[in-house]
PDB file of N, CA and C in Angstrom:
ATOM      1  N   MET A   1       0.818  -1.203   0.000  1.00  0.00           N
ATOM      2  CA  MET A   1       0.000   0.000   0.000  1.00  0.00           C
ATOM      3  C   MET A   1       0.861   1.267   0.000  1.00  0.00           C
ATOM      4  N   TYR A   2       1.910   1.282   0.806  1.00  0.00           N
ATOM      5  CA  TYR A   2       2.831   2.424   0.855  1.00  0.00           C
ATOM      6  C   TYR A   2       4.119   2.039   0.142  1.00  0.00           C
ATOM      7  N   HIS A   3       4.697   3.002  -0.607  1.00  0.00           N
ATOM      8  CA  HIS A   3       5.940   2.727  -1.329  1.00  0.00           C
ATOM      9  C   HIS A   3       6.843   3.954  -1.299  1.00  0.00           C
ATOM     10  N   GLN A   4       8.142   3.700  -1.289  1.00  0.00           N
ATOM     11  CA  GLN A   4       9.101   4.792  -1.407  1.00  0.00           C
ATOM     12  C   GLN A   4       8.816   5.532  -2.707  1.00  0.00           C
ATOM     13  N   GLY A   5       8.786   6.870  -2.620  1.00  0.00           N
ATOM     14  CA  GLY A   5       8.503   7.676  -3.793  1.00  0.00           C
ATOM     15  C   GLY A   5       7.046   8.085  -3.917  1.00  0.00           C
ATOM     16  N   ASP A   6       6.180   7.507  -3.069  1.00  0.00           N
ATOM     17  CA  ASP A   6       4.776   7.917  -3.062  1.00  0.00           C
ATOM     18  C   ASP A   6       4.630   9.306  -2.464  1.00  0.00           C
ATOM     19  N   VAL A   7       3.675  10.060  -2.989  1.00  0.00           N
ATOM     20  CA  VAL A   7       3.298  11.360  -2.425  1.00  0.00           C
ATOM     21  C   VAL A   7       1.931  11.177  -1.766  1.00  0.00           C
ATOM     22  N   TRP A   8       1.849  11.514  -0.483  1.00  0.00           N
ATOM     23  CA  TRP A   8       0.619  11.372   0.299  1.00  0.00           C
ATOM     24  C   TRP A   8       0.265  12.697   0.961  1.00  0.00           C
ATOM     25  N   LEU A   9      -1.008  12.899   1.226  1.00  0.00           N
ATOM     26  CA  LEU A   9      -1.432  13.973   2.131  1.00  0.00           C
ATOM     27  C   LEU A   9      -1.251  13.443   3.544  1.00  0.00           C
ATOM     28  N   VAL A  10      -0.522  14.210   4.368  1.00  0.00           N
ATOM     29  CA  VAL A  10      -0.181  13.776   5.717  1.00  0.00           C
ATOM     30  C   VAL A  10      -0.568  14.882   6.696  1.00  0.00           C
ATOM     31  N   ASP A  11      -1.098  14.493   7.848  1.00  0.00           N
ATOM     32  CA  ASP A  11      -1.471  15.449   8.899  1.00  0.00           C
ATOM     33  C   ASP A  11      -0.254  15.702   9.790  1.00  0.00           C
ATOM     34  N   PHE A  12       0.323  16.896   9.703  1.00  0.00           N
ATOM     35  CA  PHE A  12       1.521  17.253  10.470  1.00  0.00           C
ATOM     36  C   PHE A  12       1.185  17.845  11.843  1.00  0.00           C
ATOM     37  N   ASP A  13      -0.090  18.036  12.140  1.00  0.00           N
ATOM     38  CA  ASP A  13      -0.481  18.611  13.438  1.00  0.00           C
ATOM     39  C   ASP A  13      -0.700  17.503  14.464  1.00  0.00           C
ATOM     40  N   PRO A  14      -0.373  17.769  15.730  1.00  0.00           N
ATOM     41  CA  PRO A  14       0.158  19.025  16.253  1.00  0.00           C
ATOM     42  C   PRO A  14       1.656  19.155  15.958  1.00  0.00           C
ATOM     43  N   SER A  15       2.080  20.375  15.795  1.00  0.00           N
ATOM     44  CA  SER A  15       3.485  20.663  15.551  1.00  0.00           C
ATOM     45  C   SER A  15       3.962  21.698  16.568  1.00  0.00           C
ATOM     46  N   VAL A  16       5.278  21.849  16.660  1.00  0.00           N
ATOM     47  CA  VAL A  16       5.877  22.779  17.610  1.00  0.00           C
ATOM     48  C   VAL A  16       6.943  23.598  16.899  1.00  0.00           C
ATOM     49  N   GLY A  17       7.013  24.883  17.209  1.00  0.00           N
ATOM     50  CA  GLY A  17       8.080  25.729  16.689  1.00  0.00           C
ATOM     51  C   GLY A  17       8.123  25.790  15.177  1.00  0.00           C
ATOM     52  N   HIS A  18       9.266  25.426  14.604  1.00  0.00           N
ATOM     53  CA  HIS A  18       9.484  25.535  13.160  1.00  0.00           C
ATOM     54  C   HIS A  18       9.135  24.267  12.389  1.00  0.00           C
ATOM     55  N   GLU A  19       8.491  23.313  13.049  1.00  0.00           N
ATOM     56  CA  GLU A  19       8.068  22.101  12.347  1.00  0.00           C
ATOM     57  C   GLU A  19       6.944  22.453  11.379  1.00  0.00           C
ATOM     58  N   TYR A  20       6.860  21.677  10.297  1.00  0.00           N
ATOM     59  CA  TYR A  20       5.776  21.906   9.344  1.00  0.00           C
ATOM     60  C   TYR A  20       4.441  21.587   9.988  1.00  0.00           C
ATOM     61  N   GLN A  21       3.419  22.327   9.554  1.00  0.00           N
ATOM     62  CA  GLN A  21       2.093  22.221  10.143  1.00  0.00           C
ATOM     63  C   GLN A  21       1.061  21.812   9.110  1.00  0.00           C
ATOM     64  N   LYS A  22      -0.100  21.514   9.576  1.00  0.00           N
ATOM     65  CA  LYS A  22      -1.344  21.247   8.850  1.00  0.00           C
ATOM     66  C   LYS A  22      -1.242  20.018   7.958  1.00  0.00           C
ATOM     67  N   VAL A  23      -2.312  19.753   7.250  1.00  0.00           N
ATOM     68  CA  VAL A  23      -2.330  18.663   6.271  1.00  0.00           C
ATOM     69  C   VAL A  23      -1.633  19.167   5.015  1.00  0.00           C
ATOM     70  N   ARG A  24      -0.640  18.415   4.568  1.00  0.00           N
ATOM     71  CA  ARG A  24       0.150  18.827   3.406  1.00  0.00           C
ATOM     72  C   ARG A  24       0.712  17.595   2.709  1.00  0.00           C
ATOM     73  N   PRO A  25       1.147  17.762   1.475  1.00  0.00           N
ATOM     74  CA  PRO A  25       1.785  16.626   0.787  1.00  0.00           C
ATOM     75  C   PRO A  25       3.133  16.297   1.423  1.00  0.00           C
ATOM     76  N   ALA A  26       3.475  15.027   1.359  1.00  0.00           N
ATOM     77  CA  ALA A  26       4.775  14.564   1.837  1.00  0.00           C
ATOM     78  C   ALA A  26       5.233  13.408   0.954  1.00  0.00           C
ATOM     79  N   LEU A  27       6.538  13.252   0.859  1.00  0.00           N
ATOM     80  CA  LEU A  27       7.147  12.194   0.052  1.00  0.00           C
ATOM     81  C   LEU A  27       7.675  11.099   0.975  1.00  0.00           C
ATOM     82  N   ILE A  28       7.301   9.860   0.695  1.00  0.00           N
ATOM     83  CA  ILE A  28       7.835   8.735   1.467  1.00  0.00           C
ATOM     84  C   ILE A  28       9.263   8.460   1.009  1.00  0.00           C
ATOM     85  N   VAL A  29      10.217   8.509   1.960  1.00  0.00           N
ATOM     86  CA  VAL A  29      11.621   8.246   1.641  1.00  0.00           C
ATOM     87  C   VAL A  29      12.103   6.915   2.218  1.00  0.00           C
ATOM     88  N   GLU A  30      11.302   6.324   3.059  1.00  0.00           N
ATOM     89  CA  GLU A  30      11.669   5.045   3.663  1.00  0.00           C
ATOM     90  C   GLU A  30      11.716   3.946   2.605  1.00  0.00           C
ATOM     91  N   SER A  31      12.668   3.051   2.750  1.00  0.00           N
ATOM     92  CA  SER A  31      12.829   1.932   1.831  1.00  0.00           C
ATOM     93  C   SER A  31      11.620   1.000   1.886  1.00  0.00           C
ATOM     94  N   ASP A  32      11.211   0.497   0.726  1.00  0.00           N
ATOM     95  CA  ASP A  32      10.076  -0.434   0.665  1.00  0.00           C
ATOM     96  C   ASP A  32      10.276  -1.644   1.576  1.00  0.00           C
ATOM     97  N   SER A  33      11.510  -2.101   1.734  1.00  0.00           N
ATOM     98  CA  SER A  33      11.772  -3.291   2.547  1.00  0.00           C
ATOM     99  C   SER A  33      11.473  -3.066   4.029  1.00  0.00           C
ATOM    100  N   TYR A  34      11.410  -1.813   4.476  1.00  0.00           N
ATOM    101  CA  TYR A  34      11.103  -1.518   5.876  1.00  0.00           C
ATOM    102  C   TYR A  34       9.665  -1.059   6.089  1.00  0.00           C
ATOM    103  N   LEU A  35       8.995  -0.638   5.033  1.00  0.00           N
ATOM    104  CA  LEU A  35       7.638  -0.101   5.183  1.00  0.00           C
ATOM    105  C   LEU A  35       6.638  -1.106   5.728  1.00  0.00           C
ATOM    106  N   SER A  36       6.855  -2.375   5.516  1.00  0.00           N
ATOM    107  CA  SER A  36       5.913  -3.391   5.983  1.00  0.00           C
ATOM    108  C   SER A  36       6.219  -3.879   7.397  1.00  0.00           C
ATOM    109  N   LEU A  37       7.269  -3.358   8.019  1.00  0.00           N
ATOM    110  CA  LEU A  37       7.709  -3.876   9.317  1.00  0.00           C
ATOM    111  C   LEU A  37       6.998  -3.260  10.521  1.00  0.00           C
ATOM    112  N   GLY A  38       6.261  -2.200  10.325  1.00  0.00           N
ATOM    113  CA  GLY A  38       5.615  -1.570  11.472  1.00  0.00           C
ATOM    114  C   GLY A  38       4.600  -0.543  11.039  1.00  0.00           C
ATOM    115  N   ASN A  39       4.262   0.334  11.966  1.00  0.00           N
ATOM    116  CA  ASN A  39       3.240   1.343  11.713  1.00  0.00           C
ATOM    117  C   ASN A  39       3.803   2.750  11.546  1.00  0.00           C
ATOM    118  N   LEU A  40       5.117   2.862  11.389  1.00  0.00           N
ATOM    119  CA  LEU A  40       5.756   4.165  11.213  1.00  0.00           C
ATOM    120  C   LEU A  40       6.313   4.282   9.801  1.00  0.00           C
ATOM    121  N   ILE A  41       6.246   5.514   9.252  1.00  0.00           N
ATOM    122  CA  ILE A  41       6.751   5.773   7.900  1.00  0.00           C
ATOM    123  C   ILE A  41       7.582   7.050   7.929  1.00  0.00           C
ATOM    124  N   THR A  42       8.760   7.000   7.314  1.00  0.00           N
ATOM    125  CA  THR A  42       9.641   8.162   7.255  1.00  0.00           C
ATOM    126  C   THR A  42       9.368   8.941   5.973  1.00  0.00           C
ATOM    127  N   ILE A  43       9.165  10.251   6.157  1.00  0.00           N
ATOM    128  CA  ILE A  43       8.756  11.123   5.048  1.00  0.00           C
ATOM    129  C   ILE A  43       9.538  12.441   5.095  1.00  0.00           C
ATOM    130  N   VAL A  44       9.406  13.213   4.021  1.00  0.00           N
ATOM    131  CA  VAL A  44       9.841  14.609   4.005  1.00  0.00           C
ATOM    132  C   VAL A  44       8.658  15.439   3.492  1.00  0.00           C
ATOM    133  N   PRO A  45       8.424  16.600   4.112  1.00  0.00           N
ATOM    134  CA  PRO A  45       7.281  17.423   3.697  1.00  0.00           C
ATOM    135  C   PRO A  45       7.525  18.106   2.364  1.00  0.00           C
ATOM    136  N   ILE A  46       6.424  18.470   1.724  1.00  0.00           N
ATOM    137  CA  ILE A  46       6.454  19.198   0.457  1.00  0.00           C
ATOM    138  C   ILE A  46       5.754  20.529   0.663  1.00  0.00           C
ATOM    139  N   SER A  47       6.385  21.606   0.201  1.00  0.00           N
ATOM    140  CA  SER A  47       5.838  22.950   0.351  1.00  0.00           C
ATOM    141  C   SER A  47       5.695  23.622  -1.010  1.00  0.00           C
ATOM    142  N   SER A  48       4.598  24.336  -1.195  1.00  0.00           N
ATOM    143  CA  SER A  48       4.398  25.083  -2.441  1.00  0.00           C
ATOM    144  C   SER A  48       5.044  26.465  -2.392  1.00  0.00           C
ATOM    145  N   GLN A  49       5.670  26.805  -1.287  1.00  0.00           N
ATOM    146  CA  GLN A  49       6.308  28.110  -1.106  1.00  0.00           C
ATOM    147  C   GLN A  49       7.691  28.121  -1.760  1.00  0.00           C
ATOM    148  N   LEU A  50       7.727  28.319  -3.074  1.00  0.00           N
ATOM    149  CA  LEU A  50       8.986  28.271  -3.821  1.00  0.00           C
ATOM    150  C   LEU A  50       9.963  29.369  -3.408  1.00  0.00           C
ATOM    151  N   GLY A  51       9.462  30.467  -2.893  1.00  0.00           N
ATOM    152  CA  GLY A  51      10.327  31.567  -2.480  1.00  0.00           C
ATOM    153  C   GLY A  51      11.060  31.312  -1.187  1.00  0.00           C
ATOM    154  N   LYS A  52      10.753  30.208  -0.523  1.00  0.00           N
ATOM    155  CA  LYS A  52      11.388  29.897   0.765  1.00  0.00           C
ATOM    156  C   LYS A  52      12.317  28.697   0.648  1.00  0.00           C
ATOM    157  N   SER A  53      13.084  28.662  -0.432  1.00  0.00           N
ATOM    158  CA  SER A  53      14.020  27.569  -0.657  1.00  0.00           C
ATOM    159  C   SER A  53      15.154  27.630   0.357  1.00  0.00           C
ATOM    160  N   ALA A  54      15.543  26.468   0.855  1.00  0.00           N
ATOM    161  CA  ALA A  54      16.640  26.361   1.816  1.00  0.00           C
ATOM    162  C   ALA A  54      17.648  25.335   1.309  1.00  0.00           C
ATOM    163  N   LEU A  55      18.784  25.299   1.958  1.00  0.00           N
ATOM    164  CA  LEU A  55      19.840  24.352   1.620  1.00  0.00           C
ATOM    165  C   LEU A  55      19.278  22.926   1.571  1.00  0.00           C
ATOM    166  N   LEU A  56      19.576  22.199   0.534  1.00  0.00           N
ATOM    167  CA  LEU A  56      19.217  20.806   0.298  1.00  0.00           C
ATOM    168  C   LEU A  56      17.767  20.578  -0.129  1.00  0.00           C
ATOM    169  N   ASP A  57      16.974  21.630  -0.287  1.00  0.00           N
ATOM    170  CA  ASP A  57      15.625  21.456  -0.834  1.00  0.00           C
ATOM    171  C   ASP A  57      15.717  20.967  -2.273  1.00  0.00           C
ATOM    172  N   VAL A  58      14.704  20.221  -2.700  1.00  0.00           N
ATOM    173  CA  VAL A  58      14.660  19.696  -4.065  1.00  0.00           C
ATOM    174  C   VAL A  58      13.358  20.151  -4.721  1.00  0.00           C
ATOM    175  N   LEU A  59      13.465  20.712  -5.903  1.00  0.00           N
ATOM    176  CA  LEU A  59      12.287  21.131  -6.662  1.00  0.00           C
ATOM    177  C   LEU A  59      11.584  19.905  -7.230  1.00  0.00           C
ATOM    178  N   ILE A  60      10.271  19.844  -7.032  1.00  0.00           N
ATOM    179  CA  ILE A  60       9.457  18.800  -7.647  1.00  0.00           C
ATOM    180  C   ILE A  60       8.430  19.481  -8.541  1.00  0.00           C
ATOM    181  N   PRO A  61       8.634  19.420  -9.848  1.00  0.00           N
ATOM    182  CA  PRO A  61       7.676  20.039 -10.765  1.00  0.00           C
ATOM    183  C   PRO A  61       6.334  19.309 -10.725  1.00  0.00           C
ATOM    184  N   LYS A  62       5.271  20.049 -10.876  1.00  0.00           N
ATOM    185  CA  LYS A  62       3.925  19.477 -10.964  1.00  0.00           C
ATOM    186  C   LYS A  62       3.845  18.615 -12.221  1.00  0.00           C
ATOM    187  N   THR A  63       3.376  17.368 -12.061  1.00  0.00           N
ATOM    188  CA  THR A  63       3.181  16.483 -13.213  1.00  0.00           C
ATOM    189  C   THR A  63       1.855  15.744 -13.054  1.00  0.00           C
ATOM    190  N   ALA A  64       1.411  15.122 -14.128  1.00  0.00           N
ATOM    191  CA  ALA A  64       0.196  14.315 -14.062  1.00  0.00           C
ATOM    192  C   ALA A  64       0.394  13.105 -13.146  1.00  0.00           C
ATOM    193  N   LYS A  65       1.635  12.632 -13.031  1.00  0.00           N
ATOM    194  CA  LYS A  65       1.917  11.444 -12.226  1.00  0.00           C
ATOM    195  C   LYS A  65       1.946  11.748 -10.729  1.00  0.00           C
ATOM    196  N   ASN A  66       2.518  12.907 -10.334  1.00  0.00           N
ATOM    197  CA  ASN A  66       2.555  13.202  -8.893  1.00  0.00           C
ATOM    198  C   ASN A  66       1.301  13.941  -8.415  1.00  0.00           C
ATOM    199  N   ARG A  67       0.548  14.517  -9.349  1.00  0.00           N
ATOM    200  CA  ARG A  67      -0.725  15.185  -9.083  1.00  0.00           C
ATOM    201  C   ARG A  67      -0.654  16.286  -8.023  1.00  0.00           C
ATOM    202  N   LEU A  68       0.491  16.945  -7.923  1.00  0.00           N
ATOM    203  CA  LEU A  68       0.583  18.107  -7.046  1.00  0.00           C
ATOM    204  C   LEU A  68      -0.164  19.270  -7.679  1.00  0.00           C
ATOM    205  N   VAL A  69      -0.592  20.219  -6.863  1.00  0.00           N
ATOM    206  CA  VAL A  69      -1.343  21.372  -7.347  1.00  0.00           C
ATOM    207  C   VAL A  69      -0.432  22.353  -8.080  1.00  0.00           C
ATOM    208  N   SER A  70       0.837  22.423  -7.655  1.00  0.00           N
ATOM    209  CA  SER A  70       1.787  23.352  -8.265  1.00  0.00           C
ATOM    210  C   SER A  70       3.205  22.822  -8.103  1.00  0.00           C
ATOM    211  N   ASP A  71       4.156  23.433  -8.829  1.00  0.00           N
ATOM    212  CA  ASP A  71       5.560  23.135  -8.587  1.00  0.00           C
ATOM    213  C   ASP A  71       5.832  23.392  -7.101  1.00  0.00           C
ATOM    214  N   SER A  72       6.650  22.555  -6.495  1.00  0.00           N
ATOM    215  CA  SER A  72       6.838  22.630  -5.049  1.00  0.00           C
ATOM    216  C   SER A  72       8.272  22.307  -4.666  1.00  0.00           C
ATOM    217  N   LEU A  73       8.570  22.472  -3.378  1.00  0.00           N
ATOM    218  CA  LEU A  73       9.876  22.135  -2.834  1.00  0.00           C
ATOM    219  C   LEU A  73       9.745  20.980  -1.859  1.00  0.00           C
ATOM    220  N   ILE A  74      10.636  20.016  -1.987  1.00  0.00           N
ATOM    221  CA  ILE A  74      10.715  18.924  -1.022  1.00  0.00           C
ATOM    222  C   ILE A  74      11.741  19.350   0.021  1.00  0.00           C
ATOM    223  N   LYS A  75      11.307  19.413   1.267  1.00  0.00           N
ATOM    224  CA  LYS A  75      12.104  19.971   2.367  1.00  0.00           C
ATOM    225  C   LYS A  75      12.897  18.850   3.057  1.00  0.00           C
ATOM    226  N   THR A  76      14.023  18.467   2.459  1.00  0.00           N
ATOM    227  CA  THR A  76      14.768  17.293   2.917  1.00  0.00           C
ATOM    228  C   THR A  76      15.310  17.433   4.341  1.00  0.00           C
ATOM    229  N   ARG A  77      15.517  18.632   4.815  1.00  0.00           N
ATOM    230  CA  ARG A  77      16.036  18.814   6.178  1.00  0.00           C
ATOM    231  C   ARG A  77      14.950  18.666   7.241  1.00  0.00           C
ATOM    232  N   GLN A  78      13.710  18.479   6.807  1.00  0.00           N
ATOM    233  CA  GLN A  78      12.592  18.305   7.745  1.00  0.00           C
ATOM    234  C   GLN A  78      12.134  16.845   7.793  1.00  0.00           C
ATOM    235  N   ILE A  79      13.063  15.924   7.600  1.00  0.00           N
ATOM    236  CA  ILE A  79      12.745  14.497   7.614  1.00  0.00           C
ATOM    237  C   ILE A  79      12.062  14.141   8.936  1.00  0.00           C
ATOM    238  N   SER A  80      10.990  13.346   8.854  1.00  0.00           N
ATOM    239  CA  SER A  80      10.207  12.968  10.033  1.00  0.00           C
ATOM    240  C   SER A  80       9.708  11.538   9.877  1.00  0.00           C
ATOM    241  N   THR A  81       9.365  10.946  10.998  1.00  0.00           N
ATOM    242  CA  THR A  81       8.745   9.627  10.994  1.00  0.00           C
ATOM    243  C   THR A  81       7.402   9.739  11.699  1.00  0.00           C
ATOM    244  N   PHE A  82       6.340   9.328  10.997  1.00  0.00           N
ATOM    245  CA  PHE A  82       4.977   9.460  11.509  1.00  0.00           C
ATOM    246  C   PHE A  82       4.265   8.114  11.494  1.00  0.00           C
ATOM    247  N   ASP A  83       3.291   7.998  12.381  1.00  0.00           N
ATOM    248  CA  ASP A  83       2.400   6.847  12.399  1.00  0.00           C
ATOM    249  C   ASP A  83       1.557   6.821  11.121  1.00  0.00           C
ATOM    250  N   LYS A  84       1.244   5.642  10.643  1.00  0.00           N
ATOM    251  CA  LYS A  84       0.444   5.490   9.427  1.00  0.00           C
ATOM    252  C   LYS A  84      -0.927   6.150   9.545  1.00  0.00           C
ATOM    253  N   ARG A  85      -1.418   6.346  10.769  1.00  0.00           N
ATOM    254  CA  ARG A  85      -2.725   6.978  10.949  1.00  0.00           C
ATOM    255  C   ARG A  85      -2.732   8.444  10.524  1.00  0.00           C
ATOM    256  N   ARG A  86      -1.558   9.054  10.380  1.00  0.00           N
ATOM    257  CA  ARG A  86      -1.474  10.442   9.911  1.00  0.00           C
ATOM    258  C   ARG A  86      -1.596  10.549   8.380  1.00  0.00           C
ATOM    259  N   PHE A  87      -1.509   9.431   7.688  1.00  0.00           N
ATOM    260  CA  PHE A  87      -1.556   9.420   6.224  1.00  0.00           C
ATOM    261  C   PHE A  87      -3.018   9.392   5.778  1.00  0.00           C
ATOM    262  N   ILE A  88      -3.432  10.477   5.131  1.00  0.00           N
ATOM    263  CA  ILE A  88      -4.842  10.690   4.828  1.00  0.00           C
ATOM    264  C   ILE A  88      -5.240  10.163   3.458  1.00  0.00           C
ATOM    265  N   LYS A  89      -4.435  10.504   2.437  1.00  0.00           N
ATOM    266  CA  LYS A  89      -4.835  10.166   1.075  1.00  0.00           C
ATOM    267  C   LYS A  89      -3.610  10.080   0.166  1.00  0.00           C
ATOM    268  N   TYR A  90      -3.581   9.039  -0.652  1.00  0.00           N
ATOM    269  CA  TYR A  90      -2.541   8.908  -1.672  1.00  0.00           C
ATOM    270  C   TYR A  90      -2.775   9.967  -2.743  1.00  0.00           C
ATOM    271  N   ILE A  91      -1.697  10.662  -3.133  1.00  0.00           N
ATOM    272  CA  ILE A  91      -1.805  11.682  -4.181  1.00  0.00           C
ATOM    273  C   ILE A  91      -1.226  11.171  -5.494  1.00  0.00           C
ATOM    274  N   GLY A  92       0.021  10.689  -5.461  1.00  0.00           N
ATOM    275  CA  GLY A  92       0.663  10.270  -6.700  1.00  0.00           C
ATOM    276  C   GLY A  92       2.054   9.731  -6.460  1.00  0.00           C
ATOM    277  N   GLN A  93       2.847   9.730  -7.516  1.00  0.00           N
ATOM    278  CA  GLN A  93       4.187   9.149  -7.492  1.00  0.00           C
ATOM    279  C   GLN A  93       5.212  10.188  -7.942  1.00  0.00           C
ATOM    280  N   CYS A  94       6.292  10.298  -7.194  1.00  0.00           N
ATOM    281  CA  CYS A  94       7.390  11.213  -7.506  1.00  0.00           C
ATOM    282  C   CYS A  94       8.194  10.677  -8.695  1.00  0.00           C
ATOM    283  N   GLN A  95       8.723  11.597  -9.504  1.00  0.00           N
ATOM    284  CA  GLN A  95       9.599  11.207 -10.600  1.00  0.00           C
ATOM    285  C   GLN A  95      10.873  10.556 -10.037  1.00  0.00           C
ATOM    286  N   PRO A  96      11.377   9.489 -10.661  1.00  0.00           N
ATOM    287  CA  PRO A  96      12.577   8.805 -10.164  1.00  0.00           C
ATOM    288  C   PRO A  96      13.784   9.730  -9.989  1.00  0.00           C
ATOM    289  N   SER A  97      14.001  10.667 -10.903  1.00  0.00           N
ATOM    290  CA  SER A  97      15.154  11.566 -10.785  1.00  0.00           C
ATOM    291  C   SER A  97      15.026  12.486  -9.575  1.00  0.00           C
ATOM    292  N   VAL A  98      13.813  12.917  -9.277  1.00  0.00           N
ATOM    293  CA  VAL A  98      13.578  13.770  -8.098  1.00  0.00           C
ATOM    294  C   VAL A  98      13.775  12.953  -6.823  1.00  0.00           C
ATOM    295  N   LEU A  99      13.249  11.732  -6.791  1.00  0.00           N
ATOM    296  CA  LEU A  99      13.439  10.862  -5.629  1.00  0.00           C
ATOM    297  C   LEU A  99      14.914  10.628  -5.370  1.00  0.00           C
ATOM    298  N   GLN A 100      15.693  10.360  -6.416  1.00  0.00           N
ATOM    299  CA  GLN A 100      17.137  10.132  -6.242  1.00  0.00           C
ATOM    300  C   GLN A 100      17.825  11.377  -5.665  1.00  0.00           C
ATOM    301  N   ALA A 101      17.435  12.561  -6.135  1.00  0.00           N
ATOM    302  CA  ALA A 101      18.009  13.802  -5.602  1.00  0.00           C
ATOM    303  C   ALA A 101      17.656  13.970  -4.130  1.00  0.00           C
ATOM    304  N   VAL A 102      16.429  13.655  -3.769  1.00  0.00           N
ATOM    305  CA  VAL A 102      16.002  13.757  -2.367  1.00  0.00           C
ATOM    306  C   VAL A 102      16.787  12.786  -1.500  1.00  0.00           C
ATOM    307  N   LEU A 103      16.880  11.528  -1.919  1.00  0.00           N
ATOM    308  CA  LEU A 103      17.605  10.534  -1.134  1.00  0.00           C
ATOM    309  C   LEU A 103      19.079  10.910  -0.989  1.00  0.00           C
ATOM    310  N   SER A 104      19.664  11.460  -2.041  1.00  0.00           N
ATOM    311  CA  SER A 104      21.049  11.915  -1.979  1.00  0.00           C
ATOM    312  C   SER A 104      21.206  13.048  -0.963  1.00  0.00           C
ATOM    313  N   ASN A 105      20.277  14.000  -0.991  1.00  0.00           N
ATOM    314  CA  ASN A 105      20.352  15.138  -0.064  1.00  0.00           C
ATOM    315  C   ASN A 105      20.083  14.713   1.380  1.00  0.00           C
ATOM    316  N   VAL A 106      19.171  13.767   1.590  1.00  0.00           N
ATOM    317  CA  VAL A 106      18.932  13.244   2.937  1.00  0.00           C
ATOM    318  C   VAL A 106      20.197  12.563   3.444  1.00  0.00           C
ATOM    319  N   SER A 107      20.846  11.806   2.576  1.00  0.00           N
ATOM    320  CA  SER A 107      22.090  11.133   2.945  1.00  0.00           C
ATOM    321  C   SER A 107      23.173  12.143   3.327  1.00  0.00           C
ATOM    322  N   LEU A 108      23.287  13.223   2.545  1.00  0.00           N
ATOM    323  CA  LEU A 108      24.242  14.283   2.885  1.00  0.00           C
ATOM    324  C   LEU A 108      23.906  14.921   4.224  1.00  0.00           C
ATOM    325  N   TYR A 109      22.626  15.231   4.411  1.00  0.00           N
ATOM    326  CA  TYR A 109      22.164  15.890   5.638  1.00  0.00           C
ATOM    327  C   TYR A 109      22.450  15.051   6.885  1.00  0.00           C
ATOM    328  N   LEU A 110      22.296  13.746   6.759  1.00  0.00           N
ATOM    329  CA  LEU A 110      22.517  12.853   7.894  1.00  0.00           C
ATOM    330  C   LEU A 110      23.946  12.299   7.944  1.00  0.00           C
ATOM    331  N   ALA A 111      24.804  12.783   7.046  1.00  0.00           N
ATOM    332  CA  ALA A 111      26.212  12.367   6.981  1.00  0.00           C
ATOM    333  C   ALA A 111      26.337  10.851   6.823  1.00  0.00           C
ATOM    334  N   LEU A 112      25.519  10.289   5.925  1.00  0.00           N
ATOM    335  CA  LEU A 112      25.544   8.849   5.691  1.00  0.00           C
ATOM    336  C   LEU A 112      26.520   8.457   4.604  1.00  0.00           C
ATOM    337  N   THR A 113      27.062   9.446   3.861  1.00  0.00           N
ATOM    338  CA  THR A 113      28.037   9.166   2.820  1.00  0.00           C
ATOM    339  C   THR A 113      29.326   9.908   3.139  1.00  0.00           C
ATOM    340  N   GLU A 114      30.385   9.395   2.585  1.00  0.00           N
ATOM    341  CA  GLU A 114      31.683  10.050   2.817  1.00  0.00           C
ATOM    342  C   GLU A 114      32.094  10.857   1.614  1.00  0.00           C
TER     343      GLU A 114
END
């Protein structure tokens, strides 16, 4: 049901401080091999605020496949793990090249590569 690269509407509330808020699109970054092991899913939020680009953000253009409302930014530095009950609705699928850029930036952010 859930797959790496899927775009879902996710409920980010309640949030604190600079955490993302409200129901918004998010990209599943967790590996498919781990998604079936429990009730938690690791995601990164998606924001339509293109003017608020930050280090390691990845542009995701609106396509028929991802079904986003507009071109958006994937906020890789806001990686989070949420319970499956926060996942409201499947939206679409991220382009493979965008997913690879996100995974690369998450790896850089977490110092997983040398």
